[in-house]
C-alpha atoms as a PDB file:
ATOM      1  CA  MET A   1       0.169   0.151  -0.094  1.00  0.00           C
ATOM      2  CA  ARG A   2       3.100   2.298   0.959  1.00  0.00           C
ATOM      3  CA  ILE A   3       4.618   1.508  -2.177  1.00  0.00           C
ATOM      4  CA  LEU A   4       0.983   2.525  -4.314  1.00  0.00           C
ATOM      5  CA  ARG A   5       1.116   5.538  -2.372  1.00  0.00           C
ATOM      6  CA  HIS A   6       4.706   6.590  -3.562  1.00  0.00           C
ATOM      7  CA  GLY A   7       3.503   5.350  -7.050  1.00  0.00           C
ATOM      8  CA  LEU A   8       0.127   7.568  -7.204  1.00  0.00           C
ATOM      9  CA  MET A   9       2.654  11.093  -5.525  1.00  0.00           C
ATOM     10  CA  LEU A  10       5.259  10.293  -7.939  1.00  0.00           C
ATOM     11  CA  ALA A  11       2.928  10.003 -10.639  1.00  0.00           C
ATOM     12  CA  ILE A  12       0.917  13.512  -9.644  1.00  0.00           C
ATOM     13  CA  VAL A  13       4.428  15.455  -9.497  1.00  0.00           C
ATOM     14  CA  VAL A  14       5.634  13.714 -12.987  1.00  0.00           C
ATOM     15  CA  MET A  15       1.670  15.028 -14.545  1.00  0.00           C
ATOM     16  CA  ALA A  16       1.976  18.598 -12.661  1.00  0.00           C
ATOM     17  CA  GLY A  17       5.954  18.916 -14.092  1.00  0.00           C
ATOM     18  CA  THR A  18       4.319  17.842 -17.553  1.00  0.00           C
ATOM     19  CA  ALA A  19       1.325  20.150 -17.635  1.00  0.00           C
ATOM     20  CA  SER A  20       4.002  23.514 -16.053  1.00  0.00           C
ATOM     21  CA  ALA A  21       6.210  22.494 -18.978  1.00  0.00           C
ATOM     22  CA  GLN A  22       3.438  22.685 -21.686  1.00  0.00           C
ATOM     23  CA  VAL A  23       2.282  25.601 -20.407  1.00  0.00           C
ATOM     24  CA  ALA A  24       6.018  27.255 -20.636  1.00  0.00           C
ATOM     25  CA  ASP A  25       5.916  26.094 -24.157  1.00  0.00           C
ATOM     26  CA  ILE A  26       2.758  27.748 -25.171  1.00  0.00           C
ATOM     27  CA  ARG A  27       3.872  31.126 -24.568  1.00  0.00           C
ATOM     28  CA  SER A  28       5.998  33.036 -27.139  1.00  0.00           C
ATOM     29  CA  THR A  29       9.357  34.538 -25.371  1.00  0.00           C
ATOM     30  CA  THR A  30      10.210  36.227 -29.051  1.00  0.00           C
ATOM     31  CA  GLN A  31       6.746  37.940 -29.835  1.00  0.00           C
ATOM     32  CA  PHE A  32       3.951  39.885 -27.836  1.00  0.00           C
ATOM     33  CA  ARG A  33       1.126  37.757 -28.846  1.00  0.00           C
ATOM     34  CA  VAL A  34      -2.295  39.495 -28.116  1.00  0.00           C
ATOM     35  CA  CYS A  35      -5.566  37.925 -28.814  1.00  0.00           C
ATOM     36  CA  ALA A  36      -8.173  40.546 -30.200  1.00  0.00           C
ATOM     37  CA  ASP A  37     -11.219  41.479 -32.005  1.00  0.00           C
ATOM     38  CA  PRO A  38     -10.587  42.933 -35.446  1.00  0.00           C
ATOM     39  CA  ALA A  39     -13.515  45.499 -35.124  1.00  0.00           C
ATOM     40  CA  ASN A  40     -13.877  46.447 -31.724  1.00  0.00           C
ATOM     41  CA  VAL A  41     -13.525  50.313 -32.349  1.00  0.00           C
ATOM     42  CA  PRO A  42     -12.389  52.436 -30.704  1.00  0.00           C
ATOM     43  CA  VAL A  43     -10.243  49.366 -28.547  1.00  0.00           C
ATOM     44  CA  THR A  44      -8.610  47.130 -31.021  1.00  0.00           C
ATOM     45  CA  THR A  45      -8.592  47.208 -34.728  1.00  0.00           C
ATOM     46  CA  ARG A  46      -6.961  45.319 -37.301  1.00  0.00           C
ATOM     47  CA  ASP A  47      -5.771  48.592 -38.696  1.00  0.00           C
ATOM     48  CA  GLY A  48      -3.965  49.307 -35.063  1.00  0.00           C
ATOM     49  CA  THR A  49      -5.356  52.398 -34.227  1.00  0.00           C
ATOM     50  CA  GLY A  50      -7.704  50.720 -31.134  1.00  0.00           C
ATOM     51  CA  PHE A  51      -6.240  52.624 -27.991  1.00  0.00           C
ATOM     52  CA  GLU A  52      -5.466  48.688 -26.847  1.00  0.00           C
ATOM     53  CA  ASN A  53      -3.709  48.321 -29.875  1.00  0.00           C
ATOM     54  CA  LYS A  54      -1.144  50.761 -28.348  1.00  0.00           C
ATOM     55  CA  LEU A  55      -1.080  49.791 -25.258  1.00  0.00           C
ATOM     56  CA  ALA A  56       0.051  46.661 -26.628  1.00  0.00           C
ATOM     57  CA  ASN A  57       2.693  48.100 -28.676  1.00  0.00           C
ATOM     58  CA  TYR A  58       3.651  50.201 -25.310  1.00  0.00           C
ATOM     59  CA  PHE A  59       4.184  46.618 -23.786  1.00  0.00           C
ATOM     60  CA  GLY A  60       5.573  45.290 -26.702  1.00  0.00           C
ATOM     61  CA  GLN A  61       8.405  48.219 -26.661  1.00  0.00           C
ATOM     62  CA  LEU A  62       9.277  47.520 -22.954  1.00  0.00           C
ATOM     63  CA  LEU A  63       9.337  43.685 -23.390  1.00  0.00           C
ATOM     64  CA  ASP A  64      11.389  44.314 -26.671  1.00  0.00           C
ATOM     65  CA  MET A  65       9.233  42.212 -28.638  1.00  0.00           C
ATOM     66  CA  PRO A  66       7.383  42.826 -31.650  1.00  0.00           C
ATOM     67  CA  VAL A  67       3.524  42.315 -31.530  1.00  0.00           C
ATOM     68  CA  THR A  68       1.538  40.094 -33.208  1.00  0.00           C
ATOM     69  CA  TYR A  69      -2.377  39.361 -33.334  1.00  0.00           C
ATOM     70  CA  ALA A  70      -4.495  36.320 -33.120  1.00  0.00           C
ATOM     71  CA  TRP A  71      -8.113  38.252 -34.502  1.00  0.00           C
ATOM     72  CA  PHE A  72     -11.261  36.426 -33.590  1.00  0.00           C
ATOM     73  CA  PRO A  73     -14.698  38.171 -33.122  1.00  0.00           C
ATOM     74  CA  SER A  74     -15.281  38.970 -29.228  1.00  0.00           C
ATOM     75  CA  GLY A  75     -17.847  36.853 -27.652  1.00  0.00           C
ATOM     76  CA  MET A  76     -18.699  33.460 -27.292  1.00  0.00           C
ATOM     77  CA  GLY A  77     -15.619  31.110 -28.081  1.00  0.00           C
ATOM     78  CA  PHE A  78     -13.275  33.770 -28.122  1.00  0.00           C
ATOM     79  CA  ILE A  79     -10.893  32.807 -24.997  1.00  0.00           C
ATOM     80  CA  THR A  80     -11.179  29.310 -26.120  1.00  0.00           C
ATOM     81  CA  LYS A  81     -10.590  29.909 -29.990  1.00  0.00           C
ATOM     82  CA  THR A  82      -7.563  32.376 -29.337  1.00  0.00           C
ATOM     83  CA  LEU A  83      -5.864  32.249 -25.565  1.00  0.00           C
ATOM     84  CA  ARG A  84      -6.885  28.510 -24.853  1.00  0.00           C
ATOM     85  CA  ALA A  85      -5.785  27.316 -27.944  1.00  0.00           C
ATOM     86  CA  GLY A  86      -2.560  29.162 -27.671  1.00  0.00           C
ATOM     87  CA  THR A  87      -2.274  30.921 -30.547  1.00  0.00           C
ATOM     88  CA  CYS A  88      -1.576  34.061 -28.581  1.00  0.00           C
ATOM     89  CA  ASP A  89      -0.423  34.844 -24.786  1.00  0.00           C
ATOM     90  CA  VAL A  90      -2.960  38.264 -23.319  1.00  0.00           C
ATOM     91  CA  VAL A  91      -6.046  39.657 -23.985  1.00  0.00           C
ATOM     92  CA  MET A  92      -5.684  43.300 -23.710  1.00  0.00           C
ATOM     93  CA  GLY A  93      -8.578  45.101 -21.744  1.00  0.00           C
ATOM     94  CA  TYR A  94      -9.989  42.122 -19.668  1.00  0.00           C
ATOM     95  CA  ALA A  95     -12.400  42.742 -17.085  1.00  0.00           C
ATOM     96  CA  GLN A  96     -11.167  41.806 -13.443  1.00  0.00           C
ATOM     97  CA  GLY A  97     -12.819  38.607 -12.028  1.00  0.00           C
ATOM     98  CA  ASP A  98     -13.747  36.613 -14.838  1.00  0.00           C
ATOM     99  CA  GLU A  99     -12.730  32.543 -14.617  1.00  0.00           C
ATOM    100  CA  MET A 100     -11.949  32.138 -18.154  1.00  0.00           C
ATOM    101  CA  VAL A 101      -8.334  33.578 -17.727  1.00  0.00           C
ATOM    102  CA  GLN A 102      -6.043  34.396 -14.824  1.00  0.00           C
ATOM    103  CA  ASN A 103      -6.100  38.311 -14.273  1.00  0.00           C
ATOM    104  CA  THR A 104      -3.080  40.635 -14.108  1.00  0.00           C
ATOM    105  CA  ASN A 105      -3.415  43.430 -11.401  1.00  0.00           C
ATOM    106  CA  HIS A 106      -5.621  46.261 -13.215  1.00  0.00           C
ATOM    107  CA  TYR A 107      -3.687  49.038 -15.173  1.00  0.00           C
ATOM    108  CA  TYR A 108      -6.505  51.086 -15.311  1.00  0.00           C
ATOM    109  CA  THR A 109     -10.394  51.487 -13.864  1.00  0.00           C
ATOM    110  CA  SER A 110     -12.863  53.531 -16.155  1.00  0.00           C
ATOM    111  CA  VAL A 111     -16.494  53.583 -15.495  1.00  0.00           C
ATOM    112  CA  TYR A 112     -19.885  54.239 -17.213  1.00  0.00           C
ATOM    113  CA  GLY A 113     -21.346  57.506 -18.854  1.00  0.00           C
ATOM    114  CA  LEU A 114     -23.718  59.490 -20.212  1.00  0.00           C
ATOM    115  CA  VAL A 115     -23.673  60.792 -23.612  1.00  0.00           C
ATOM    116  CA  THR A 116     -25.949  64.031 -24.880  1.00  0.00           C
ATOM    117  CA  ARG A 117     -25.357  66.518 -27.153  1.00  0.00           C
ATOM    118  CA  ARG A 118     -23.418  69.322 -25.934  1.00  0.00           C
ATOM    119  CA  ASP A 119     -26.094  72.086 -27.180  1.00  0.00           C
ATOM    120  CA  GLY A 120     -28.937  69.515 -25.523  1.00  0.00           C
ATOM    121  CA  ASP A 121     -31.239  70.125 -22.798  1.00  0.00           C
ATOM    122  CA  LEU A 122     -29.861  66.958 -21.139  1.00  0.00           C
ATOM    123  CA  ALA A 123     -26.198  68.158 -21.384  1.00  0.00           C
ATOM    124  CA  GLN A 124     -25.825  68.855 -17.705  1.00  0.00           C
ATOM    125  CA  VAL A 125     -27.476  65.632 -16.157  1.00  0.00           C
ATOM    126  CA  ASP A 126     -24.545  63.449 -14.539  1.00  0.00           C
ATOM    127  CA  ARG A 127     -26.666  61.075 -12.707  1.00  0.00           C
ATOM    128  CA  LEU A 128     -29.680  58.806 -13.524  1.00  0.00           C
ATOM    129  CA  SER A 129     -32.031  59.818 -10.779  1.00  0.00           C
ATOM    130  CA  ASP A 130     -32.248  63.583 -12.399  1.00  0.00           C
ATOM    131  CA  PRO A 131     -35.793  64.343 -13.103  1.00  0.00           C
ATOM    132  CA  LEU A 132     -35.158  65.255 -16.530  1.00  0.00           C
ATOM    133  CA  LEU A 133     -34.778  61.640 -17.646  1.00  0.00           C
ATOM    134  CA  LYS A 134     -38.218  60.862 -16.980  1.00  0.00           C
ATOM    135  CA  LYS A 135     -39.308  62.293 -20.289  1.00  0.00           C
ATOM    136  CA  ALA A 136     -36.369  60.844 -22.160  1.00  0.00           C
ATOM    137  CA  ASP A 137     -35.283  58.016 -24.792  1.00  0.00           C
ATOM    138  CA  ILE A 138     -32.772  56.608 -23.194  1.00  0.00           C
ATOM    139  CA  GLY A 139     -30.081  54.006 -24.987  1.00  0.00           C
ATOM    140  CA  VAL A 140     -28.721  51.358 -23.031  1.00  0.00           C
ATOM    141  CA  VAL A 141     -26.799  47.898 -23.964  1.00  0.00           C
ATOM    142  CA  ALA A 142     -29.130  45.239 -22.645  1.00  0.00           C
ATOM    143  CA  GLY A 143     -27.594  43.327 -19.574  1.00  0.00           C
ATOM    144  CA  THR A 144     -25.412  45.985 -18.393  1.00  0.00           C
ATOM    145  CA  PRO A 145     -25.177  47.618 -14.784  1.00  0.00           C
ATOM    146  CA  PRO A 146     -26.564  50.808 -15.989  1.00  0.00           C
ATOM    147  CA  ALA A 147     -29.667  48.835 -17.108  1.00  0.00           C
ATOM    148  CA  THR A 148     -30.579  47.920 -13.363  1.00  0.00           C
ATOM    149  CA  HIS A 149     -29.939  51.281 -12.101  1.00  0.00           C
ATOM    150  CA  LEU A 150     -32.246  52.936 -14.876  1.00  0.00           C
ATOM    151  CA  ALA A 151     -34.981  50.265 -13.733  1.00  0.00           C
ATOM    152  CA  ARG A 152     -34.305  51.306  -9.921  1.00  0.00           C
ATOM    153  CA  ASN A 153     -35.506  54.936 -10.967  1.00  0.00           C
ATOM    154  CA  GLY A 154     -38.490  53.923 -12.981  1.00  0.00           C
ATOM    155  CA  LEU A 155     -37.003  54.623 -16.244  1.00  0.00           C
ATOM    156  CA  ALA A 156     -37.539  50.850 -17.482  1.00  0.00           C
ATOM    157  CA  ALA A 157     -40.102  52.490 -19.996  1.00  0.00           C
ATOM    158  CA  ASN A 158     -37.783  54.770 -21.139  1.00  0.00           C
ATOM    159  CA  MET A 159     -34.804  52.166 -22.230  1.00  0.00           C
ATOM    160  CA  ARG A 160     -34.074  51.812 -25.776  1.00  0.00           C
ATOM    161  CA  GLY A 161     -31.878  48.277 -25.541  1.00  0.00           C
ATOM    162  CA  ALA A 162     -28.887  47.444 -27.939  1.00  0.00           C
ATOM    163  CA  ASP A 163     -27.440  43.815 -28.247  1.00  0.00           C
ATOM    164  CA  LEU A 164     -24.679  43.073 -26.032  1.00  0.00           C
ATOM    165  CA  PHE A 165     -22.747  40.667 -28.078  1.00  0.00           C
ATOM    166  CA  VAL A 166     -22.406  41.070 -31.577  1.00  0.00           C
ATOM    167  CA  ASP A 167     -20.086  40.571 -34.481  1.00  0.00           C
ATOM    168  CA  ARG A 168     -18.711  44.013 -34.731  1.00  0.00           C
ATOM    169  CA  ARG A 169     -17.283  43.169 -37.964  1.00  0.00           C
ATOM    170  CA  VAL A 170     -21.110  43.349 -39.142  1.00  0.00           C
ATOM    171  CA  LYS A 171     -23.030  45.559 -36.709  1.00  0.00           C
ATOM    172  CA  ASP A 172     -21.989  48.443 -34.587  1.00  0.00           C
ATOM    173  CA  PRO A 173     -24.514  48.990 -31.621  1.00  0.00           C
ATOM    174  CA  THR A 174     -22.071  51.707 -30.143  1.00  0.00           C
ATOM    175  CA  GLY A 175     -21.859  53.699 -33.141  1.00  0.00           C
ATOM    176  CA  GLU A 176     -25.401  53.320 -33.820  1.00  0.00           C
ATOM    177  CA  MET A 177     -26.040  54.716 -30.616  1.00  0.00           C
ATOM    178  CA  LEU A 178     -24.113  57.963 -31.325  1.00  0.00           C
ATOM    179  CA  ASP A 179     -25.646  58.289 -34.478  1.00  0.00           C
ATOM    180  CA  SER A 180     -29.236  58.099 -33.226  1.00  0.00           C
ATOM    181  CA  ILE A 181     -28.310  60.935 -30.412  1.00  0.00           C
ATOM    182  CA  ARG A 182     -26.758  63.345 -33.088  1.00  0.00           C
ATOM    183  CA  ALA A 183     -30.096  62.527 -35.141  1.00  0.00           C
ATOM    184  CA  GLY A 184     -32.306  62.986 -32.364  1.00  0.00           C
ATOM    185  CA  ASP A 185     -33.905  59.574 -32.167  1.00  0.00           C
ATOM    186  CA  LEU A 186     -32.415  59.108 -28.758  1.00  0.00           C
ATOM    187  CA  ASP A 187     -32.068  61.949 -25.989  1.00  0.00           C
ATOM    188  CA  ILE A 188     -28.991  60.290 -23.907  1.00  0.00           C
ATOM    189  CA  ALA A 189     -27.332  57.176 -24.011  1.00  0.00           C
ATOM    190  CA  VAL A 190     -25.582  55.109 -20.848  1.00  0.00           C
ATOM    191  CA  MET A 191     -22.601  53.689 -22.071  1.00  0.00           C
ATOM    192  CA  TRP A 192     -19.316  52.121 -21.095  1.00  0.00           C
ATOM    193  CA  GLY A 193     -16.467  54.878 -20.795  1.00  0.00           C
ATOM    194  CA  PRO A 194     -13.896  53.114 -23.029  1.00  0.00           C
ATOM    195  CA  LEU A 195     -16.355  53.306 -25.604  1.00  0.00           C
ATOM    196  CA  ALA A 196     -18.009  56.016 -25.567  1.00  0.00           C
ATOM    197  CA  GLY A 197     -15.357  58.989 -24.624  1.00  0.00           C
ATOM    198  CA  PRO A 198     -12.819  57.978 -27.378  1.00  0.00           C
ATOM    199  CA  LEU A 199     -15.525  58.312 -29.556  1.00  0.00           C
ATOM    200  CA  VAL A 200     -16.954  61.585 -28.380  1.00  0.00           C
ATOM    201  CA  LYS A 201     -13.365  63.139 -27.549  1.00  0.00           C
ATOM    202  CA  ASP A 202     -13.422  65.304 -30.609  1.00  0.00           C
ATOM    203  CA  ASP A 203     -16.913  65.500 -31.329  1.00  0.00           C
ATOM    204  CA  PRO A 204     -18.093  68.522 -31.922  1.00  0.00           C
ATOM    205  CA  ASP A 205     -22.096  67.743 -31.200  1.00  0.00           C
ATOM    206  CA  LEU A 206     -21.507  65.136 -28.640  1.00  0.00           C
ATOM    207  CA  GLN A 207     -20.363  64.704 -25.293  1.00  0.00           C
ATOM    208  CA  PHE A 208     -19.502  62.282 -22.032  1.00  0.00           C
ATOM    209  CA  THR A 209     -19.864  62.560 -18.760  1.00  0.00           C
ATOM    210  CA  PRO A 210     -19.051  60.020 -16.150  1.00  0.00           C
ATOM    211  CA  LEU A 211     -21.587  58.882 -13.630  1.00  0.00           C
ATOM    212  CA  LEU A 212     -19.519  59.258 -10.779  1.00  0.00           C
ATOM    213  CA  HIS A 213     -22.644  59.798  -8.345  1.00  0.00           C
ATOM    214  CA  GLU A 214     -24.616  56.561  -8.403  1.00  0.00           C
ATOM    215  CA  GLU A 215     -25.441  54.659  -5.431  1.00  0.00           C
ATOM    216  CA  GLY A 216     -26.270  51.182  -4.700  1.00  0.00           C
ATOM    217  CA  ASN A 217     -25.419  48.258  -6.548  1.00  0.00           C
ATOM    218  CA  PRO A 218     -24.065  47.265  -9.082  1.00  0.00           C
ATOM    219  CA  LYS A 219     -21.115  49.706  -9.194  1.00  0.00           C
ATOM    220  CA  LEU A 220     -20.700  51.499 -12.494  1.00  0.00           C
ATOM    221  CA  PHE A 221     -16.633  51.236 -12.361  1.00  0.00           C
ATOM    222  CA  TYR A 222     -14.634  48.514 -13.387  1.00  0.00           C
ATOM    223  CA  ARG A 223     -10.936  47.380 -13.323  1.00  0.00           C
ATOM    224  CA  ILE A 224      -9.684  45.981 -16.499  1.00  0.00           C
ATOM    225  CA  THR A 225      -6.493  43.536 -16.501  1.00  0.00           C
ATOM    226  CA  ILE A 226      -4.332  41.960 -18.930  1.00  0.00           C
ATOM    227  CA  GLY A 227      -5.979  38.290 -19.220  1.00  0.00           C
ATOM    228  CA  VAL A 228      -3.651  35.347 -19.533  1.00  0.00           C
ATOM    229  CA  ARG A 229      -3.625  31.686 -19.102  1.00  0.00           C
ATOM    230  CA  LEU A 230      -4.564  30.005 -15.886  1.00  0.00           C
ATOM    231  CA  GLY A 231      -1.637  28.461 -15.200  1.00  0.00           C
ATOM    232  CA  GLU A 232       1.042  31.220 -15.969  1.00  0.00           C
ATOM    233  CA  GLN A 233       2.180  32.527 -12.757  1.00  0.00           C
ATOM    234  CA  GLU A 234       5.486  33.690 -13.666  1.00  0.00           C
ATOM    235  CA  TRP A 235       4.053  35.732 -16.965  1.00  0.00           C
ATOM    236  CA  LYS A 236       1.728  37.269 -14.800  1.00  0.00           C
ATOM    237  CA  ARG A 237       4.194  38.270 -12.443  1.00  0.00           C
ATOM    238  CA  GLN A 238       6.037  40.265 -15.141  1.00  0.00           C
ATOM    239  CA  LEU A 239       3.172  41.923 -16.575  1.00  0.00           C
ATOM    240  CA  ASN A 240       2.147  43.172 -13.318  1.00  0.00           C
ATOM    241  CA  SER A 241       6.109  44.234 -12.774  1.00  0.00           C
ATOM    242  CA  LEU A 242       5.626  46.164 -16.254  1.00  0.00           C
ATOM    243  CA  ILE A 243       1.943  47.706 -15.294  1.00  0.00           C
ATOM    244  CA  ARG A 244       3.356  48.844 -11.528  1.00  0.00           C
ATOM    245  CA  ARG A 245       6.650  50.247 -12.917  1.00  0.00           C
ATOM    246  CA  ASN A 246       4.938  52.141 -16.018  1.00  0.00           C
ATOM    247  CA  GLN A 247       1.595  53.340 -14.838  1.00  0.00           C
ATOM    248  CA  ASP A 248       2.291  56.858 -15.796  1.00  0.00           C
ATOM    249  CA  GLY A 249       3.195  56.059 -19.257  1.00  0.00           C
ATOM    250  CA  ILE A 250      -0.194  53.691 -19.615  1.00  0.00           C
ATOM    251  CA  ASN A 251      -2.503  56.528 -18.121  1.00  0.00           C
ATOM    252  CA  GLN A 252      -0.619  58.832 -20.698  1.00  0.00           C
ATOM    253  CA  ILE A 253      -1.830  56.344 -23.415  1.00  0.00           C
ATOM    254  CA  LEU A 254      -5.588  56.294 -22.412  1.00  0.00           C
ATOM    255  CA  HIS A 255      -5.937  59.986 -21.572  1.00  0.00           C
ATOM    256  CA  ASP A 256      -4.445  60.969 -24.737  1.00  0.00           C
ATOM    257  CA  ALA A 257      -7.348  58.625 -26.678  1.00  0.00           C
ATOM    258  CA  GLY A 258     -10.002  60.024 -24.414  1.00  0.00           C
ATOM    259  CA  VAL A 259     -10.845  56.707 -21.856  1.00  0.00           C
ATOM    260  CA  PRO A 260     -12.036  57.997 -18.659  1.00  0.00           C
ATOM    261  CA  LEU A 261     -10.011  57.219 -15.834  1.00  0.00           C
ATOM    262  CA  VAL A 262     -11.034  56.707 -11.752  1.00  0.00           C
ATOM    263  CA  ASP A 263      -9.794  55.332  -9.120  1.00  0.00           C
ATOM    264  CA  ASP A 264     -10.205  52.560  -7.050  1.00  0.00           C
ATOM    265  CA  TYR A 265     -13.227  54.201  -5.164  1.00  0.00           C
ATOM    266  CA  GLY A 266     -14.374  55.906  -8.180  1.00  0.00           C
ATOM    267  CA  LYS A 267     -13.240  59.033  -8.177  1.00  0.00           C
ATOM    268  CA  GLN A 268     -11.961  60.761 -11.267  1.00  0.00           C
ATOM    269  CA  VAL A 269      -8.503  60.499 -12.435  1.00  0.00           C
ATOM    270  CA  MET A 270      -7.601  64.034 -14.234  1.00  0.00           C
ATOM    271  CA  PRO A 271      -4.950  64.046 -16.980  1.00  0.00           C
END
């Protein structure tokens, strides 16, 4: 029996060692290989103009590695077909807490906010409890945290929903909502800051106002990390070190792109 136990322990050690070797063998040591959606404007784009493309380039420079991409539309199957398949080694812009990946430390925190016309009657609204919203048509992505707050404030009938999971190569719910506000078909939209902020940053007609005063759950600000494979502890530590030592450079790229930043308590971080 003792021999059997020793044999089992040896087998477990061997298998663990093999698994570690396999994980180590997957990750490239010569390229910074990024898993990304090719049409997730303004986050990642095949032409490299997205702000997460620019952040990937920054990390590539810090690592002294060229940046390459494994493209796949975000949504169902994204992690399985990219990171877990071994075709790439990092997912930029991954929300903290998802069990599909191992998260690095967060490299920014952003917030939902309101998009309105700069010259409109709702331009000064900065919270979802404002009485002016009672008569407004409100765009919101279905299933996102702001929808809960809108319903709590008695605005369920005012919501005009957009789909959460779409193939952005053929459909652009963010752009469609912005166009609807410009055309007057929507009065206001509640949108995720990293999507809306860069798109309205230089827009002469639209503005983004972060929601910094909402109370109760769900919260409206979230930490954003780099996703890596579950077993890659050393790789995660290396990326954490880069984040810690280069936070100012990361923030500058995000500020330049128009991404609204908040601290871990939801207070706005100014450029």
